[in-house]
N, C-alpha and C. Protein backbone atom coordinates (compact mmCIF):
# COMPACT_ATOMS: atom_id res chain seq x y z
N MET A 1 235.51 239.81 -50.05
CA MET A 1 235.12 241.05 -50.69
C MET A 1 233.63 241.04 -51.03
N SER A 2 232.79 240.90 -50.04
CA SER A 2 231.37 240.97 -50.26
C SER A 2 230.98 242.40 -50.54
N LYS A 3 229.76 242.58 -50.98
CA LYS A 3 229.26 243.91 -51.28
C LYS A 3 229.26 244.76 -50.01
N ASP A 4 230.16 245.74 -49.93
CA ASP A 4 230.17 246.62 -48.78
C ASP A 4 229.38 247.88 -49.10
N THR A 5 229.28 248.77 -48.13
CA THR A 5 228.43 249.95 -48.29
C THR A 5 228.86 250.82 -49.45
N ASN A 6 230.16 251.07 -49.58
CA ASN A 6 230.61 251.95 -50.65
C ASN A 6 230.51 251.31 -52.02
N VAL A 7 230.66 250.00 -52.11
CA VAL A 7 230.42 249.33 -53.39
C VAL A 7 228.97 249.52 -53.80
N ALA A 8 228.06 249.36 -52.85
CA ALA A 8 226.64 249.54 -53.14
C ALA A 8 226.33 250.98 -53.54
N ARG A 9 226.96 251.94 -52.87
CA ARG A 9 226.77 253.35 -53.25
C ARG A 9 227.27 253.60 -54.66
N ALA A 10 228.47 253.09 -54.94
CA ALA A 10 229.08 253.32 -56.25
C ALA A 10 228.27 252.69 -57.37
N ALA A 11 227.68 251.54 -57.10
CA ALA A 11 226.91 250.82 -58.12
C ALA A 11 225.70 251.62 -58.59
N LYS A 12 225.23 252.55 -57.77
CA LYS A 12 224.06 253.37 -58.13
C LYS A 12 224.41 254.59 -58.97
N LEU A 13 225.72 254.86 -59.14
CA LEU A 13 226.17 256.07 -59.82
C LEU A 13 226.67 255.76 -61.22
N GLU A 14 226.52 256.74 -62.12
CA GLU A 14 227.08 256.62 -63.46
C GLU A 14 228.57 256.96 -63.42
N THR A 15 229.34 256.34 -64.32
CA THR A 15 230.77 256.67 -64.36
C THR A 15 230.99 258.13 -64.72
N ALA A 16 230.11 258.71 -65.53
CA ALA A 16 230.27 260.13 -65.88
C ALA A 16 230.17 261.01 -64.64
N THR A 17 229.27 260.68 -63.74
CA THR A 17 229.12 261.44 -62.50
C THR A 17 230.35 261.26 -61.61
N ILE A 18 230.82 260.02 -61.50
CA ILE A 18 232.02 259.78 -60.70
C ILE A 18 233.22 260.48 -61.31
N SER A 19 233.31 260.49 -62.64
CA SER A 19 234.40 261.18 -63.31
C SER A 19 234.42 262.66 -62.95
N ASP A 20 233.26 263.30 -62.93
CA ASP A 20 233.19 264.71 -62.55
C ASP A 20 233.63 264.91 -61.11
N ALA A 21 233.25 263.98 -60.24
CA ALA A 21 233.66 264.07 -58.84
C ALA A 21 235.18 263.92 -58.71
N LEU A 22 235.76 263.00 -59.46
CA LEU A 22 237.21 262.84 -59.45
C LEU A 22 237.90 264.12 -59.92
N ASP A 23 237.36 264.74 -60.97
CA ASP A 23 237.93 266.00 -61.46
C ASP A 23 237.89 267.07 -60.38
N ARG A 24 236.78 267.18 -59.68
CA ARG A 24 236.66 268.22 -58.65
C ARG A 24 237.71 268.03 -57.56
N LEU A 25 237.99 266.76 -57.26
CA LEU A 25 238.93 266.47 -56.18
C LEU A 25 240.37 266.33 -56.68
N GLY A 26 240.58 266.50 -57.97
CA GLY A 26 241.94 266.45 -58.52
C GLY A 26 242.54 265.07 -58.54
N ILE A 27 241.69 264.05 -58.73
CA ILE A 27 242.15 262.66 -58.75
C ILE A 27 241.99 262.10 -60.16
N VAL A 28 243.05 261.50 -60.68
CA VAL A 28 242.97 260.85 -62.00
C VAL A 28 242.48 259.42 -61.79
N GLY A 29 241.25 259.16 -62.19
CA GLY A 29 240.69 257.83 -62.01
C GLY A 29 239.95 257.31 -63.23
N GLN A 30 240.01 258.05 -64.34
CA GLN A 30 239.34 257.62 -65.56
C GLN A 30 240.28 256.71 -66.35
N CYS A 31 239.83 255.49 -66.63
CA CYS A 31 240.65 254.50 -67.32
C CYS A 31 240.47 254.66 -68.83
N TYR A 32 241.38 255.43 -69.42
CA TYR A 32 241.24 255.83 -70.82
C TYR A 32 241.25 254.62 -71.76
N GLY A 33 240.27 254.57 -72.65
CA GLY A 33 240.23 253.58 -73.71
C GLY A 33 239.71 252.22 -73.31
N VAL A 34 239.34 252.02 -72.05
CA VAL A 34 238.85 250.72 -71.59
C VAL A 34 237.33 250.74 -71.61
N LYS A 35 236.73 249.82 -72.39
CA LYS A 35 235.29 249.82 -72.59
C LYS A 35 234.73 248.41 -72.46
N GLY A 36 233.44 248.33 -72.17
CA GLY A 36 232.78 247.05 -72.06
C GLY A 36 232.73 246.33 -73.39
N ARG A 37 232.89 245.01 -73.34
CA ARG A 37 232.77 244.21 -74.56
C ARG A 37 231.33 244.05 -74.99
N SER A 38 230.42 244.52 -74.18
CA SER A 38 229.01 244.69 -74.54
C SER A 38 228.57 246.04 -74.00
N PRO A 39 227.75 246.78 -74.75
CA PRO A 39 227.28 248.08 -74.26
C PRO A 39 226.39 247.98 -73.04
N ASP A 40 225.96 246.79 -72.70
CA ASP A 40 225.08 246.60 -71.55
C ASP A 40 225.83 246.29 -70.26
N PHE A 41 227.13 246.06 -70.35
CA PHE A 41 227.88 245.63 -69.17
C PHE A 41 228.00 246.75 -68.13
N ARG A 42 227.85 246.36 -66.87
CA ARG A 42 228.09 247.23 -65.72
C ARG A 42 228.79 246.41 -64.66
N LEU A 43 229.62 247.08 -63.87
CA LEU A 43 230.27 246.40 -62.75
C LEU A 43 230.56 247.40 -61.64
N ALA A 44 230.68 246.88 -60.44
CA ALA A 44 231.15 247.65 -59.29
C ALA A 44 231.74 246.66 -58.30
N GLY A 45 232.96 246.93 -57.86
CA GLY A 45 233.60 246.03 -56.92
C GLY A 45 235.01 246.48 -56.62
N ARG A 46 235.68 245.71 -55.78
CA ARG A 46 237.03 246.06 -55.35
C ARG A 46 238.08 245.27 -56.14
N ALA A 47 239.21 245.91 -56.37
CA ALA A 47 240.21 245.39 -57.30
C ALA A 47 241.03 244.24 -56.73
N PHE A 48 241.13 243.18 -57.52
CA PHE A 48 242.11 242.12 -57.36
C PHE A 48 243.08 242.31 -58.52
N THR A 49 244.27 242.83 -58.24
CA THR A 49 245.14 243.33 -59.31
C THR A 49 246.25 242.35 -59.70
N MET A 50 246.70 242.51 -60.94
CA MET A 50 247.88 241.78 -61.41
C MET A 50 248.54 242.54 -62.55
N ARG A 51 249.83 242.33 -62.65
CA ARG A 51 250.63 242.93 -63.72
C ARG A 51 251.20 241.81 -64.57
N CYS A 52 251.07 241.97 -65.90
CA CYS A 52 251.55 240.96 -66.83
C CYS A 52 252.68 241.52 -67.68
N GLY A 53 253.41 240.60 -68.33
CA GLY A 53 254.50 241.01 -69.20
C GLY A 53 254.78 239.94 -70.24
N PRO A 54 255.76 240.16 -71.10
CA PRO A 54 256.12 239.17 -72.11
C PRO A 54 256.60 237.88 -71.46
N ASN A 55 256.38 236.77 -72.15
CA ASN A 55 256.72 235.47 -71.61
C ASN A 55 258.22 235.28 -71.45
N SER A 56 258.57 234.53 -70.42
CA SER A 56 259.95 234.10 -70.22
C SER A 56 260.14 232.73 -70.86
N THR A 57 261.33 232.16 -70.71
CA THR A 57 261.62 230.80 -71.18
C THR A 57 262.15 229.98 -70.00
N PRO A 58 261.44 228.92 -69.55
CA PRO A 58 260.17 228.43 -70.10
C PRO A 58 259.03 229.40 -69.81
N PRO A 59 257.93 229.29 -70.56
CA PRO A 59 256.84 230.27 -70.43
C PRO A 59 256.12 230.19 -69.10
N GLY A 60 255.66 231.36 -68.63
CA GLY A 60 254.84 231.43 -67.42
C GLY A 60 253.38 231.22 -67.75
N THR A 61 252.52 231.47 -66.77
CA THR A 61 251.09 231.20 -66.94
C THR A 61 250.30 232.51 -66.96
N VAL A 62 249.03 232.40 -67.41
CA VAL A 62 248.19 233.59 -67.50
C VAL A 62 246.90 233.50 -66.69
N GLY A 63 246.51 232.32 -66.19
CA GLY A 63 245.20 232.24 -65.56
C GLY A 63 245.10 231.40 -64.31
N ASP A 64 246.23 230.98 -63.75
CA ASP A 64 246.17 230.04 -62.62
C ASP A 64 245.72 230.69 -61.31
N TYR A 65 245.58 232.01 -61.29
CA TYR A 65 245.18 232.75 -60.09
C TYR A 65 243.68 232.72 -59.83
N ILE A 66 242.88 232.35 -60.82
CA ILE A 66 241.45 232.68 -60.82
C ILE A 66 240.70 232.10 -59.62
N ASP A 67 241.11 230.92 -59.15
CA ASP A 67 240.41 230.30 -58.02
C ASP A 67 240.70 230.99 -56.69
N ASP A 68 241.64 231.91 -56.67
CA ASP A 68 241.98 232.65 -55.45
C ASP A 68 241.32 234.02 -55.38
N VAL A 69 240.57 234.39 -56.41
CA VAL A 69 239.93 235.72 -56.42
C VAL A 69 238.65 235.65 -55.59
N PRO A 70 238.49 236.54 -54.62
CA PRO A 70 237.30 236.49 -53.76
C PRO A 70 236.02 236.84 -54.50
N GLU A 71 234.93 236.26 -54.07
CA GLU A 71 233.61 236.59 -54.62
C GLU A 71 233.37 238.10 -54.52
N GLY A 72 232.82 238.68 -55.58
CA GLY A 72 232.51 240.10 -55.59
C GLY A 72 233.65 241.00 -56.01
N ALA A 73 234.85 240.44 -56.20
CA ALA A 73 236.00 241.25 -56.60
C ALA A 73 235.99 241.50 -58.11
N VAL A 74 236.73 242.53 -58.53
CA VAL A 74 236.96 242.81 -59.94
C VAL A 74 238.39 242.40 -60.27
N VAL A 75 238.55 241.51 -61.25
CA VAL A 75 239.88 241.14 -61.72
C VAL A 75 240.42 242.31 -62.55
N VAL A 76 241.56 242.86 -62.15
CA VAL A 76 242.14 244.02 -62.82
C VAL A 76 243.50 243.63 -63.36
N ILE A 77 243.65 243.64 -64.68
CA ILE A 77 244.85 243.12 -65.33
C ILE A 77 245.56 244.23 -66.10
N ASP A 78 246.78 244.50 -65.69
CA ASP A 78 247.63 245.45 -66.41
C ASP A 78 248.50 244.66 -67.38
N ASN A 79 248.12 244.69 -68.66
CA ASN A 79 248.93 244.06 -69.69
C ASN A 79 249.60 245.11 -70.57
N GLY A 80 249.81 246.28 -69.99
CA GLY A 80 250.54 247.34 -70.67
C GLY A 80 249.86 247.85 -71.93
N GLY A 81 248.53 247.66 -72.02
CA GLY A 81 247.81 248.09 -73.21
C GLY A 81 248.08 247.23 -74.42
N ARG A 82 248.69 246.10 -74.24
CA ARG A 82 249.08 245.24 -75.36
C ARG A 82 247.85 244.75 -76.13
N THR A 83 247.88 244.86 -77.45
CA THR A 83 246.73 244.49 -78.28
C THR A 83 247.04 243.37 -79.28
N ASP A 84 248.25 242.80 -79.24
CA ASP A 84 248.58 241.74 -80.19
C ASP A 84 248.38 240.35 -79.62
N ALA A 85 248.04 240.25 -78.33
CA ALA A 85 247.81 238.95 -77.70
C ALA A 85 246.86 239.13 -76.52
N THR A 86 245.91 238.23 -76.42
CA THR A 86 244.89 238.35 -75.39
C THR A 86 245.42 237.91 -74.02
N ILE A 87 244.69 238.27 -72.99
CA ILE A 87 245.04 237.89 -71.63
C ILE A 87 243.84 237.31 -70.89
N TRP A 88 242.69 237.18 -71.58
CA TRP A 88 241.46 236.70 -70.95
C TRP A 88 240.60 236.04 -72.02
N GLY A 89 240.04 234.84 -71.69
CA GLY A 89 239.20 234.14 -72.65
C GLY A 89 238.08 233.38 -71.98
N ASP A 90 237.49 232.42 -72.72
CA ASP A 90 236.23 231.83 -72.28
C ASP A 90 236.34 230.98 -71.02
N ILE A 91 237.48 230.29 -70.81
CA ILE A 91 237.60 229.47 -69.60
C ILE A 91 237.62 230.36 -68.36
N LEU A 92 238.39 231.45 -68.42
CA LEU A 92 238.40 232.39 -67.30
C LEU A 92 237.04 233.03 -67.09
N THR A 93 236.36 233.37 -68.18
CA THR A 93 235.02 233.94 -68.06
C THR A 93 234.07 232.99 -67.36
N GLU A 94 234.10 231.71 -67.77
CA GLU A 94 233.19 230.73 -67.17
C GLU A 94 233.45 230.58 -65.67
N ILE A 95 234.72 230.47 -65.30
CA ILE A 95 235.06 230.30 -63.88
C ILE A 95 234.71 231.55 -63.09
N ALA A 96 235.05 232.71 -63.63
CA ALA A 96 234.76 233.97 -62.94
C ALA A 96 233.26 234.15 -62.73
N HIS A 97 232.48 233.80 -63.73
CA HIS A 97 231.02 233.89 -63.61
C HIS A 97 230.51 232.92 -62.54
N ARG A 98 231.03 231.70 -62.56
CA ARG A 98 230.59 230.71 -61.58
C ARG A 98 230.97 231.12 -60.17
N ARG A 99 232.12 231.75 -60.00
CA ARG A 99 232.60 232.17 -58.68
C ARG A 99 231.99 233.50 -58.24
N LYS A 100 231.13 234.07 -59.06
CA LYS A 100 230.39 235.31 -58.74
C LYS A 100 231.33 236.50 -58.55
N LEU A 101 232.31 236.61 -59.45
CA LEU A 101 233.14 237.80 -59.45
C LEU A 101 232.35 238.95 -60.06
N ALA A 102 232.75 240.18 -59.73
CA ALA A 102 232.00 241.35 -60.20
C ALA A 102 232.29 241.69 -61.65
N GLY A 103 233.45 241.24 -62.17
CA GLY A 103 233.80 241.54 -63.55
C GLY A 103 235.31 241.56 -63.73
N THR A 104 235.73 241.90 -64.94
CA THR A 104 237.14 241.94 -65.29
C THR A 104 237.44 243.22 -66.04
N VAL A 105 238.56 243.88 -65.69
CA VAL A 105 239.00 245.11 -66.34
C VAL A 105 240.43 244.89 -66.81
N ILE A 106 240.68 245.15 -68.10
CA ILE A 106 241.97 244.82 -68.70
C ILE A 106 242.54 246.01 -69.45
N ASP A 107 243.79 246.37 -69.11
CA ASP A 107 244.54 247.29 -69.97
C ASP A 107 245.24 246.41 -71.01
N GLY A 108 244.49 246.01 -72.00
CA GLY A 108 244.88 245.04 -72.99
C GLY A 108 243.62 244.49 -73.63
N ILE A 109 243.69 243.26 -74.18
CA ILE A 109 242.54 242.73 -74.90
C ILE A 109 242.08 241.39 -74.33
N SER A 110 240.84 241.06 -74.69
CA SER A 110 240.25 239.77 -74.34
C SER A 110 239.83 239.07 -75.63
N ARG A 111 239.33 237.84 -75.48
CA ARG A 111 238.76 237.14 -76.63
C ARG A 111 237.55 236.33 -76.16
N ASP A 112 236.94 235.58 -77.07
CA ASP A 112 235.76 234.76 -76.75
C ASP A 112 234.63 235.62 -76.17
N VAL A 113 234.39 236.75 -76.79
CA VAL A 113 233.40 237.68 -76.23
C VAL A 113 231.99 237.11 -76.28
N HIS A 114 231.75 236.11 -77.13
CA HIS A 114 230.40 235.52 -77.19
C HIS A 114 229.98 234.98 -75.83
N LEU A 115 230.92 234.39 -75.08
CA LEU A 115 230.55 233.78 -73.81
C LEU A 115 230.27 234.83 -72.75
N CYS A 116 231.12 235.86 -72.63
CA CYS A 116 230.85 236.87 -71.61
C CYS A 116 229.52 237.57 -71.90
N ARG A 117 229.19 237.75 -73.17
CA ARG A 117 227.91 238.37 -73.51
C ARG A 117 226.74 237.46 -73.18
N SER A 118 226.86 236.17 -73.49
CA SER A 118 225.74 235.25 -73.24
C SER A 118 225.54 235.02 -71.74
N LEU A 119 226.63 235.02 -70.97
CA LEU A 119 226.51 234.84 -69.53
C LEU A 119 226.18 236.12 -68.79
N GLY A 120 226.43 237.26 -69.46
CA GLY A 120 226.25 238.55 -68.79
C GLY A 120 227.37 238.85 -67.82
N TYR A 121 228.55 238.24 -68.06
CA TYR A 121 229.70 238.52 -67.19
C TYR A 121 230.47 239.71 -67.77
N PRO A 122 230.57 240.82 -67.00
CA PRO A 122 231.14 242.05 -67.56
C PRO A 122 232.65 242.01 -67.73
N VAL A 123 233.10 242.14 -68.98
CA VAL A 123 234.51 242.27 -69.30
C VAL A 123 234.72 243.62 -69.96
N PHE A 124 235.63 244.40 -69.40
CA PHE A 124 236.00 245.71 -69.94
C PHE A 124 237.45 245.63 -70.37
N ALA A 125 237.73 246.02 -71.61
CA ALA A 125 239.08 245.91 -72.15
C ALA A 125 239.29 246.98 -73.21
N VAL A 126 240.52 247.10 -73.68
CA VAL A 126 240.83 248.04 -74.74
C VAL A 126 240.20 247.59 -76.05
N ASP A 127 240.16 246.28 -76.27
CA ASP A 127 239.59 245.72 -77.50
C ASP A 127 239.47 244.22 -77.31
N HIS A 128 239.02 243.53 -78.35
CA HIS A 128 239.06 242.07 -78.33
C HIS A 128 239.55 241.55 -79.68
N TRP A 129 240.25 240.43 -79.62
CA TRP A 129 240.85 239.79 -80.78
C TRP A 129 241.16 238.36 -80.39
N MET A 130 241.31 237.46 -81.37
CA MET A 130 241.37 236.05 -81.05
C MET A 130 242.75 235.49 -80.70
N ARG A 131 243.84 236.22 -80.96
CA ARG A 131 245.18 235.64 -80.83
C ARG A 131 245.53 235.36 -79.36
N THR A 132 245.90 234.14 -79.06
CA THR A 132 246.14 233.72 -77.68
C THR A 132 247.35 234.42 -77.06
N GLY A 133 247.26 234.57 -75.75
CA GLY A 133 248.40 235.07 -74.99
C GLY A 133 249.32 233.96 -74.49
N LYS A 134 248.89 232.70 -74.65
CA LYS A 134 249.74 231.57 -74.22
C LYS A 134 251.05 231.58 -75.01
N ASP A 135 252.13 231.44 -74.29
CA ASP A 135 253.49 231.51 -74.85
C ASP A 135 253.86 232.90 -75.35
N ARG A 136 253.03 233.90 -75.02
CA ARG A 136 253.34 235.28 -75.38
C ARG A 136 253.29 236.22 -74.17
N VAL A 137 252.43 235.89 -73.20
CA VAL A 137 252.17 236.76 -72.05
C VAL A 137 252.21 235.90 -70.79
N GLN A 138 252.64 236.49 -69.68
CA GLN A 138 252.58 235.77 -68.41
C GLN A 138 252.30 236.75 -67.28
N VAL A 139 251.73 236.24 -66.18
CA VAL A 139 251.51 237.04 -64.98
C VAL A 139 252.85 237.24 -64.29
N GLU A 140 253.20 238.48 -64.01
CA GLU A 140 254.46 238.81 -63.35
C GLU A 140 254.29 239.00 -61.84
N GLU A 141 253.15 239.61 -61.45
CA GLU A 141 252.96 239.95 -60.03
C GLU A 141 251.48 240.07 -59.73
N LEU A 142 251.10 239.58 -58.57
CA LEU A 142 249.73 239.70 -58.08
C LEU A 142 249.67 240.68 -56.91
N ALA A 143 248.46 241.22 -56.67
CA ALA A 143 248.24 242.12 -55.55
C ALA A 143 249.23 243.27 -55.55
N CYS A 144 249.36 243.93 -56.69
CA CYS A 144 250.32 245.02 -56.86
C CYS A 144 249.60 246.25 -57.41
N VAL A 145 250.25 247.39 -57.35
CA VAL A 145 249.72 248.60 -57.98
C VAL A 145 249.90 248.49 -59.49
N VAL A 146 248.83 248.81 -60.24
CA VAL A 146 248.87 248.67 -61.69
C VAL A 146 248.40 249.96 -62.36
N ASN A 147 248.62 250.01 -63.66
CA ASN A 147 248.21 251.15 -64.49
C ASN A 147 247.15 250.66 -65.47
N ILE A 148 245.95 251.21 -65.35
CA ILE A 148 244.85 250.83 -66.24
C ILE A 148 244.38 252.08 -66.98
N GLY A 149 244.75 252.17 -68.24
CA GLY A 149 244.35 253.33 -69.04
C GLY A 149 244.81 254.64 -68.46
N GLY A 150 246.01 254.67 -67.90
CA GLY A 150 246.56 255.89 -67.33
C GLY A 150 246.11 256.19 -65.92
N ALA A 151 245.32 255.31 -65.32
CA ALA A 151 244.86 255.49 -63.93
C ALA A 151 245.53 254.46 -63.03
N ARG A 152 245.93 254.91 -61.86
CA ARG A 152 246.57 254.03 -60.87
C ARG A 152 245.50 253.22 -60.15
N VAL A 153 245.70 251.90 -60.09
CA VAL A 153 244.77 251.03 -59.37
C VAL A 153 245.57 250.21 -58.37
N ALA A 154 245.21 250.31 -57.10
CA ALA A 154 245.84 249.52 -56.04
C ALA A 154 244.88 248.43 -55.60
N PRO A 155 245.40 247.35 -55.03
CA PRO A 155 244.51 246.30 -54.52
C PRO A 155 243.48 246.88 -53.55
N GLY A 156 242.23 246.50 -53.75
CA GLY A 156 241.16 246.97 -52.88
C GLY A 156 240.52 248.27 -53.30
N ASP A 157 241.08 248.96 -54.31
CA ASP A 157 240.43 250.17 -54.82
C ASP A 157 239.07 249.81 -55.42
N LEU A 158 238.21 250.79 -55.47
CA LEU A 158 236.84 250.60 -55.95
C LEU A 158 236.75 250.93 -57.43
N LEU A 159 236.25 250.00 -58.23
CA LEU A 159 236.07 250.22 -59.66
C LEU A 159 234.60 250.20 -60.02
N VAL A 160 234.24 251.06 -60.98
CA VAL A 160 232.88 251.12 -61.49
C VAL A 160 232.96 251.15 -63.01
N GLY A 161 232.15 250.33 -63.66
CA GLY A 161 232.10 250.31 -65.11
C GLY A 161 230.67 250.36 -65.60
N ASP A 162 230.46 251.03 -66.72
CA ASP A 162 229.15 251.11 -67.34
C ASP A 162 229.34 251.39 -68.83
N PRO A 163 228.29 251.68 -69.60
CA PRO A 163 228.47 251.89 -71.04
C PRO A 163 229.43 253.01 -71.42
N ASP A 164 229.76 253.91 -70.49
CA ASP A 164 230.69 254.99 -70.80
C ASP A 164 232.15 254.63 -70.52
N GLY A 165 232.41 253.51 -69.86
CA GLY A 165 233.79 253.12 -69.57
C GLY A 165 233.98 252.71 -68.12
N VAL A 166 235.21 252.90 -67.63
CA VAL A 166 235.58 252.46 -66.27
C VAL A 166 236.26 253.59 -65.52
N VAL A 167 235.92 253.73 -64.25
CA VAL A 167 236.63 254.64 -63.35
C VAL A 167 237.10 253.87 -62.13
N VAL A 168 238.21 254.34 -61.55
CA VAL A 168 238.71 253.78 -60.31
C VAL A 168 238.66 254.86 -59.24
N ILE A 169 238.19 254.49 -58.07
CA ILE A 169 238.14 255.38 -56.92
C ILE A 169 239.15 254.88 -55.90
N PRO A 170 240.26 255.59 -55.69
CA PRO A 170 241.27 255.11 -54.73
C PRO A 170 240.67 254.95 -53.34
N ALA A 171 240.98 253.83 -52.69
CA ALA A 171 240.38 253.53 -51.39
C ALA A 171 240.53 254.65 -50.36
N PRO A 172 241.69 255.34 -50.29
CA PRO A 172 241.81 256.40 -49.27
C PRO A 172 240.86 257.58 -49.51
N HIS A 173 240.33 257.71 -50.72
CA HIS A 173 239.51 258.87 -51.06
C HIS A 173 238.06 258.51 -51.38
N GLU A 174 237.68 257.24 -51.18
CA GLU A 174 236.39 256.83 -51.72
C GLU A 174 235.21 257.50 -51.03
N ASP A 175 235.28 257.76 -49.75
CA ASP A 175 234.16 258.45 -49.08
C ASP A 175 233.97 259.84 -49.67
N ALA A 176 235.07 260.58 -49.85
CA ALA A 176 234.98 261.93 -50.40
C ALA A 176 234.47 261.91 -51.84
N VAL A 177 234.99 260.99 -52.66
CA VAL A 177 234.56 260.91 -54.06
C VAL A 177 233.08 260.56 -54.16
N LEU A 178 232.64 259.61 -53.38
CA LEU A 178 231.23 259.21 -53.44
C LEU A 178 230.32 260.32 -52.91
N ASP A 179 230.76 261.02 -51.87
CA ASP A 179 229.96 262.15 -51.37
C ASP A 179 229.78 263.21 -52.46
N VAL A 180 230.87 263.56 -53.14
CA VAL A 180 230.80 264.58 -54.19
C VAL A 180 229.97 264.07 -55.36
N ALA A 181 230.15 262.81 -55.75
CA ALA A 181 229.39 262.25 -56.87
C ALA A 181 227.90 262.27 -56.58
N GLU A 182 227.52 261.93 -55.36
CA GLU A 182 226.10 261.96 -55.00
C GLU A 182 225.57 263.39 -54.99
N GLU A 183 226.40 264.34 -54.58
CA GLU A 183 226.02 265.74 -54.63
C GLU A 183 225.80 266.20 -56.08
N ILE A 184 226.70 265.81 -56.97
CA ILE A 184 226.58 266.17 -58.38
C ILE A 184 225.32 265.55 -58.98
N GLU A 185 225.09 264.29 -58.68
CA GLU A 185 223.89 263.62 -59.20
C GLU A 185 222.63 264.34 -58.74
N ALA A 186 222.58 264.73 -57.47
CA ALA A 186 221.40 265.42 -56.94
C ALA A 186 221.20 266.77 -57.64
N ALA A 187 222.29 267.52 -57.87
CA ALA A 187 222.19 268.81 -58.54
C ALA A 187 221.69 268.65 -59.97
N GLU A 188 222.21 267.66 -60.67
CA GLU A 188 221.78 267.44 -62.06
C GLU A 188 220.32 267.01 -62.12
N ASN A 189 219.87 266.24 -61.14
CA ASN A 189 218.46 265.86 -61.09
C ASN A 189 217.57 267.07 -60.85
N LEU A 190 218.03 268.01 -60.03
CA LEU A 190 217.27 269.24 -59.80
C LEU A 190 217.19 270.07 -61.07
N ILE A 191 218.27 270.09 -61.85
CA ILE A 191 218.25 270.82 -63.13
C ILE A 191 217.23 270.19 -64.06
N ARG A 192 217.24 268.88 -64.17
CA ARG A 192 216.27 268.20 -65.03
C ARG A 192 214.83 268.51 -64.61
N GLU A 193 214.58 268.45 -63.31
CA GLU A 193 213.23 268.73 -62.81
C GLU A 193 212.82 270.16 -63.10
N ALA A 194 213.76 271.11 -62.94
CA ALA A 194 213.44 272.51 -63.20
C ALA A 194 213.12 272.73 -64.67
N VAL A 195 213.89 272.13 -65.57
CA VAL A 195 213.65 272.29 -67.01
C VAL A 195 212.33 271.64 -67.40
N ARG A 196 212.04 270.50 -66.84
CA ARG A 196 210.76 269.84 -67.13
C ARG A 196 209.58 270.68 -66.64
N GLY A 197 209.85 271.48 -65.61
CA GLY A 197 208.81 272.36 -65.09
C GLY A 197 208.67 273.68 -65.83
N GLY A 198 209.50 273.89 -66.86
CA GLY A 198 209.37 275.08 -67.69
C GLY A 198 210.49 276.08 -67.58
N MET A 199 211.47 275.87 -66.70
CA MET A 199 212.57 276.82 -66.57
C MET A 199 213.52 276.69 -67.75
N ARG A 200 214.12 277.80 -68.17
CA ARG A 200 215.15 277.76 -69.19
C ARG A 200 216.37 276.99 -68.67
N LEU A 201 217.05 276.31 -69.59
CA LEU A 201 218.19 275.51 -69.18
C LEU A 201 219.29 276.38 -68.60
N ASP A 202 219.57 277.53 -69.22
CA ASP A 202 220.65 278.37 -68.69
C ASP A 202 220.33 278.87 -67.29
N GLU A 203 219.05 279.16 -67.04
CA GLU A 203 218.66 279.61 -65.71
C GLU A 203 218.78 278.47 -64.69
N ALA A 204 218.37 277.28 -65.09
CA ALA A 204 218.46 276.13 -64.18
C ALA A 204 219.92 275.80 -63.87
N ARG A 205 220.76 275.86 -64.90
CA ARG A 205 222.17 275.57 -64.67
C ARG A 205 222.81 276.61 -63.75
N ALA A 206 222.43 277.86 -63.93
CA ALA A 206 222.98 278.91 -63.07
C ALA A 206 222.51 278.72 -61.63
N GLN A 207 221.24 278.40 -61.46
CA GLN A 207 220.68 278.27 -60.12
C GLN A 207 221.36 277.13 -59.34
N PHE A 208 221.62 276.04 -60.03
CA PHE A 208 222.18 274.86 -59.34
C PHE A 208 223.68 274.68 -59.60
N LYS A 209 224.31 275.76 -60.11
CA LYS A 209 225.77 275.84 -60.26
C LYS A 209 226.33 274.68 -61.08
N TYR A 210 225.68 274.40 -62.22
CA TYR A 210 226.07 273.29 -63.07
C TYR A 210 227.52 273.39 -63.52
N HIS A 211 227.94 274.58 -63.92
CA HIS A 211 229.27 274.73 -64.51
C HIS A 211 230.39 274.64 -63.48
N GLN A 212 230.04 274.61 -62.19
CA GLN A 212 231.05 274.46 -61.15
C GLN A 212 231.06 273.07 -60.53
N LEU A 213 230.16 272.20 -60.99
CA LEU A 213 230.00 270.89 -60.34
C LEU A 213 231.29 270.07 -60.39
N GLN A 214 232.02 270.13 -61.53
CA GLN A 214 233.22 269.32 -61.68
C GLN A 214 234.50 270.11 -61.54
N THR A 215 234.38 271.44 -61.30
CA THR A 215 235.57 272.28 -61.25
C THR A 215 236.44 271.92 -60.05
N LYS A 216 237.74 271.81 -60.30
CA LYS A 216 238.68 271.42 -59.24
C LYS A 216 238.68 272.46 -58.13
N GLN A 217 238.62 271.97 -56.90
CA GLN A 217 238.62 272.85 -55.75
C GLN A 217 240.05 273.11 -55.28
N ASN A 218 240.29 274.31 -54.82
CA ASN A 218 241.63 274.66 -54.30
C ASN A 218 241.77 274.17 -52.87
């Protein structure tokens, strides 16, 4: 999973712009409530997915997959939004950073945020708290379709994260989503240039169809 063309395109776009493009195309890809553990974190890459659940007896594991994640991938963990036990900590962060993964996205919580911040390894989660997931959480399935903040993520889907949150672009639609997002970005840049040149904002928005940029198409 090296940096491919669409990953590079997506990395240049803001999640807000991609979100508007998803809205126009009628695709739910905004991962509600999932935010960077640092406001500076950004990521772009393809999903390496897993689904977690409560521990069985004897207990299962939570991190033995990490050496199989390809360079440049985003680890995507569906822990059902669980906030009473973590699913990611400093050992996983260290290995993921060393293996040059693009980042981690969790529908759940992480811990040891000091290390991801000091290394600059992007972790996006619902929250962070110190209580371990060992003997409480286990990996149930790898390379599966998961739910991250109400958005469907399949293996290989494109994820983008920035200070506003995380969006997922489904692989079958990524060319269309990126085309629309780049169109929206260009229109908004034209509005900014027009206003800086002295045009009224309402006139600039009307000229470049600002209010229709994200409207769902029939």
